[in-house]
Every structure is written in structure tokens, then in C-alpha cells.
N, C-alpha and C. Protein backbone atom coordinates (compact mmCIF):
# COMPACT_ATOMS: atom_id res chain seq x y z
N UNK A 1 116.57 100.32 70.22
CA UNK A 1 115.97 101.11 71.28
C UNK A 1 115.85 100.25 72.54
N UNK A 2 116.19 100.81 73.68
CA UNK A 2 116.12 100.07 74.94
C UNK A 2 114.70 100.08 75.49
N UNK A 3 114.41 99.09 76.31
CA UNK A 3 113.11 99.04 76.96
C UNK A 3 113.07 100.03 78.10
N UNK A 4 111.91 100.56 78.36
CA UNK A 4 111.72 101.50 79.47
C UNK A 4 110.98 100.75 80.58
N UNK A 5 111.73 99.99 81.36
CA UNK A 5 111.14 99.16 82.40
C UNK A 5 110.90 99.97 83.67
N UNK A 6 109.82 99.62 84.36
CA UNK A 6 109.43 100.29 85.60
C UNK A 6 109.10 99.24 86.65
N UNK A 7 109.62 99.43 87.86
CA UNK A 7 109.36 98.54 88.99
C UNK A 7 108.39 99.23 89.94
N UNK A 8 107.33 98.52 90.31
CA UNK A 8 106.38 99.03 91.30
C UNK A 8 106.56 98.21 92.58
N UNK A 9 106.80 98.92 93.68
CA UNK A 9 107.02 98.26 94.97
C UNK A 9 106.54 99.17 96.08
N UNK A 10 106.38 98.59 97.27
CA UNK A 10 105.95 99.40 98.39
C UNK A 10 105.99 98.63 99.68
N UNK A 11 105.65 99.34 100.74
CA UNK A 11 105.64 98.71 102.05
C UNK A 11 105.33 99.73 103.13
N UNK A 12 105.40 99.27 104.35
CA UNK A 12 105.09 100.13 105.48
C UNK A 12 106.32 100.94 105.88
N UNK A 13 106.11 102.24 106.04
CA UNK A 13 107.19 103.15 106.42
C UNK A 13 107.26 103.30 107.93
N UNK A 14 108.46 103.61 108.44
CA UNK A 14 108.62 103.89 109.87
C UNK A 14 107.83 105.13 110.26
N UNK A 15 107.89 106.13 109.39
CA UNK A 15 107.24 107.42 109.64
C UNK A 15 106.71 107.91 108.29
N UNK A 16 105.43 108.27 108.20
CA UNK A 16 104.86 108.68 106.91
C UNK A 16 105.53 109.92 106.30
N UNK A 17 106.31 110.67 107.09
CA UNK A 17 106.96 111.86 106.54
C UNK A 17 108.32 111.54 105.91
N UNK A 18 108.77 110.29 105.99
CA UNK A 18 110.04 109.85 105.41
C UNK A 18 109.82 108.63 104.53
N UNK A 19 110.81 108.31 103.72
CA UNK A 19 110.73 107.14 102.85
C UNK A 19 111.64 106.01 103.35
N UNK A 20 111.56 105.72 104.65
CA UNK A 20 112.35 104.65 105.26
C UNK A 20 111.38 103.53 105.63
N UNK A 21 111.64 102.34 105.07
CA UNK A 21 110.75 101.21 105.32
C UNK A 21 110.93 100.66 106.74
N UNK A 22 109.82 100.25 107.35
CA UNK A 22 109.85 99.65 108.68
C UNK A 22 110.63 98.35 108.66
N UNK A 23 110.38 97.51 107.66
CA UNK A 23 111.07 96.22 107.54
C UNK A 23 111.30 95.93 106.06
N UNK A 24 112.54 96.00 105.65
CA UNK A 24 112.88 95.80 104.23
C UNK A 24 112.48 94.41 103.75
N UNK A 25 112.48 93.43 104.63
CA UNK A 25 112.09 92.07 104.24
C UNK A 25 110.61 91.97 103.88
N UNK A 26 109.82 92.93 104.31
CA UNK A 26 108.39 92.91 104.03
C UNK A 26 107.99 93.78 102.84
N UNK A 27 108.96 94.29 102.07
CA UNK A 27 108.63 95.11 100.91
C UNK A 27 107.85 94.27 99.90
N UNK A 28 106.76 94.81 99.43
CA UNK A 28 105.90 94.14 98.46
C UNK A 28 106.33 94.52 97.05
N UNK A 29 106.85 93.55 96.30
CA UNK A 29 107.22 93.77 94.90
C UNK A 29 105.99 93.49 94.04
N UNK A 30 105.41 94.54 93.51
CA UNK A 30 104.20 94.38 92.71
C UNK A 30 104.56 93.79 91.35
N UNK A 31 105.60 94.32 90.72
CA UNK A 31 106.02 93.78 89.43
C UNK A 31 106.83 94.77 88.62
N UNK A 32 107.32 94.27 87.48
CA UNK A 32 108.06 95.09 86.52
C UNK A 32 107.18 95.25 85.29
N UNK A 33 107.11 96.48 84.80
CA UNK A 33 106.19 96.80 83.72
C UNK A 33 106.95 97.44 82.55
N UNK A 34 106.51 97.16 81.34
CA UNK A 34 107.21 97.60 80.14
C UNK A 34 106.92 99.05 79.76
N UNK A 35 105.94 99.67 80.39
CA UNK A 35 105.65 101.07 80.09
C UNK A 35 105.13 101.75 81.35
N UNK A 36 105.26 103.07 81.37
CA UNK A 36 104.89 103.83 82.56
C UNK A 36 103.40 103.73 82.86
N UNK A 37 102.58 103.73 81.84
CA UNK A 37 101.13 103.69 82.03
C UNK A 37 100.71 102.42 82.78
N UNK A 38 101.27 101.29 82.40
CA UNK A 38 100.96 100.03 83.10
C UNK A 38 101.47 100.07 84.54
N UNK A 39 102.66 100.62 84.74
CA UNK A 39 103.22 100.75 86.09
C UNK A 39 102.35 101.68 86.93
N UNK A 40 101.91 102.77 86.35
CA UNK A 40 101.07 103.72 87.07
C UNK A 40 99.76 103.06 87.50
N UNK A 41 99.15 102.29 86.61
CA UNK A 41 97.89 101.61 86.94
C UNK A 41 98.09 100.62 88.09
N UNK A 42 99.22 99.90 88.08
CA UNK A 42 99.51 98.95 89.17
C UNK A 42 99.77 99.70 90.47
N UNK A 43 100.53 100.79 90.38
CA UNK A 43 100.81 101.61 91.56
C UNK A 43 99.51 102.15 92.16
N UNK A 44 98.65 102.67 91.31
CA UNK A 44 97.38 103.25 91.77
C UNK A 44 96.50 102.20 92.46
N UNK A 45 96.45 101.01 91.88
CA UNK A 45 95.63 99.94 92.48
C UNK A 45 96.14 99.57 93.87
N UNK A 46 97.46 99.45 94.02
CA UNK A 46 98.02 99.10 95.34
C UNK A 46 97.85 100.25 96.33
N UNK A 47 98.06 101.47 95.87
CA UNK A 47 97.89 102.63 96.75
C UNK A 47 96.44 102.74 97.24
N UNK A 48 95.51 102.49 96.36
CA UNK A 48 94.09 102.55 96.76
C UNK A 48 93.72 101.40 97.67
N UNK A 49 94.33 100.24 97.45
CA UNK A 49 94.04 99.06 98.28
C UNK A 49 94.50 99.29 99.72
N UNK A 50 95.56 100.07 99.90
CA UNK A 50 96.13 100.27 101.23
C UNK A 50 95.88 101.68 101.77
N UNK A 51 94.91 102.38 101.22
CA UNK A 51 94.67 103.78 101.57
C UNK A 51 94.37 103.99 103.05
N UNK A 52 93.84 103.00 103.73
CA UNK A 52 93.50 103.14 105.15
C UNK A 52 94.71 103.10 106.08
N UNK A 53 95.87 102.70 105.57
CA UNK A 53 97.08 102.64 106.39
C UNK A 53 97.99 103.81 105.97
N UNK A 54 98.07 104.83 106.81
CA UNK A 54 98.85 106.03 106.49
C UNK A 54 100.34 105.75 106.35
N UNK A 55 100.81 104.62 106.87
CA UNK A 55 102.23 104.29 106.79
C UNK A 55 102.60 103.52 105.52
N UNK A 56 101.62 103.07 104.76
CA UNK A 56 101.90 102.31 103.54
C UNK A 56 102.15 103.27 102.37
N UNK A 57 103.21 102.99 101.61
CA UNK A 57 103.53 103.77 100.43
C UNK A 57 103.98 102.85 99.31
N UNK A 58 103.58 103.17 98.11
CA UNK A 58 104.03 102.46 96.93
C UNK A 58 104.76 103.44 96.02
N UNK A 59 105.74 102.92 95.29
CA UNK A 59 106.61 103.74 94.46
C UNK A 59 106.76 103.13 93.08
N UNK A 60 107.10 103.97 92.12
CA UNK A 60 107.46 103.53 90.77
C UNK A 60 108.93 103.88 90.58
N UNK A 61 109.76 102.86 90.35
CA UNK A 61 111.18 103.08 90.07
C UNK A 61 111.39 102.93 88.57
N UNK A 62 112.07 103.88 87.99
CA UNK A 62 112.35 103.87 86.55
C UNK A 62 113.63 103.08 86.31
N UNK A 63 113.49 101.77 86.11
CA UNK A 63 114.66 100.90 85.97
C UNK A 63 115.51 101.28 84.77
N UNK A 64 114.89 101.79 83.73
CA UNK A 64 115.65 102.14 82.53
C UNK A 64 116.62 103.28 82.79
N UNK A 65 116.42 104.04 83.84
CA UNK A 65 117.33 105.14 84.18
C UNK A 65 118.56 104.67 84.95
N UNK A 66 118.54 103.44 85.43
CA UNK A 66 119.68 102.92 86.19
C UNK A 66 120.84 102.50 85.30
N UNK A 67 120.56 102.34 84.03
CA UNK A 67 121.60 101.87 83.12
C UNK A 67 121.77 102.85 81.98
N UNK A 68 122.94 103.37 81.84
CA UNK A 68 123.25 104.30 80.76
C UNK A 68 123.99 103.51 79.68
N UNK A 69 123.30 103.20 78.60
CA UNK A 69 123.87 102.37 77.54
C UNK A 69 125.07 103.03 76.86
N UNK A 70 125.19 104.34 76.93
CA UNK A 70 126.28 105.04 76.27
C UNK A 70 127.59 104.93 77.06
N UNK A 71 127.52 104.65 78.34
CA UNK A 71 128.70 104.55 79.18
C UNK A 71 129.32 103.15 79.05
N UNK A 72 130.65 103.07 79.25
CA UNK A 72 131.34 101.77 79.17
C UNK A 72 130.82 100.79 80.20
N UNK A 73 130.61 101.26 81.42
CA UNK A 73 130.09 100.42 82.50
C UNK A 73 129.17 101.27 83.37
N UNK A 74 128.03 100.70 83.71
CA UNK A 74 127.14 101.42 84.61
C UNK A 74 127.64 101.31 86.04
N UNK A 75 127.15 102.13 86.91
CA UNK A 75 127.59 102.09 88.31
C UNK A 75 127.27 100.75 88.95
N UNK A 76 126.21 100.08 88.52
CA UNK A 76 125.87 98.77 89.10
C UNK A 76 126.88 97.71 88.64
N UNK A 77 127.37 97.81 87.42
CA UNK A 77 128.36 96.85 86.96
C UNK A 77 129.69 97.03 87.70
N UNK A 78 130.01 98.26 88.08
CA UNK A 78 131.25 98.53 88.78
C UNK A 78 131.25 97.94 90.17
N UNK A 79 130.12 97.70 90.76
CA UNK A 79 130.04 97.13 92.10
C UNK A 79 130.61 95.72 92.13
N UNK A 80 130.53 94.99 91.02
CA UNK A 80 131.00 93.61 90.96
C UNK A 80 132.51 93.49 90.85
N UNK A 81 133.19 94.57 90.57
CA UNK A 81 134.65 94.51 90.40
C UNK A 81 135.38 94.48 91.70
């Protein structure tokens, strides 16, 4: 069975109505978590910490969905060719 890894990250957006970061170099990588519940708790803590800044957003990326173990090569592996 594969791990269900989740990445929590966030940063300041150019406009709160879009998901475009103001400065990609300033993205805050909170961490990678082995289960959704842990990722959610980390996301919630960061979102609450930055609640006063309407431009700050944090996200949970489902890393396990980026790789399809049944396929010969994932799309990320094909980029290296």
C-alpha cells in the first residue's frame, strides 16, 4: 500500500479572489504529513495564525495523487526525458 502524503504550504496572494502568489520565493512550506488529519491540523493552525491578513492563504496538496503507481511512468517522470 502506498503512503498518502500531504503537503501543507501557503503564502501571500496577489488578490484574495485568485490563487496566484505575490512572490513564489516567499511561499511558506509548513511540511509533509503522512495522513490528512495531521495535514488538516497544520493547515488550520497556519490559517488561524494569519487570519488578520486577507491575502494569506494556506493549502493542502495531496501528494499521493500526483503519482499513479499503476501507470508505467507518471507525468512528473516524463518531464525528465
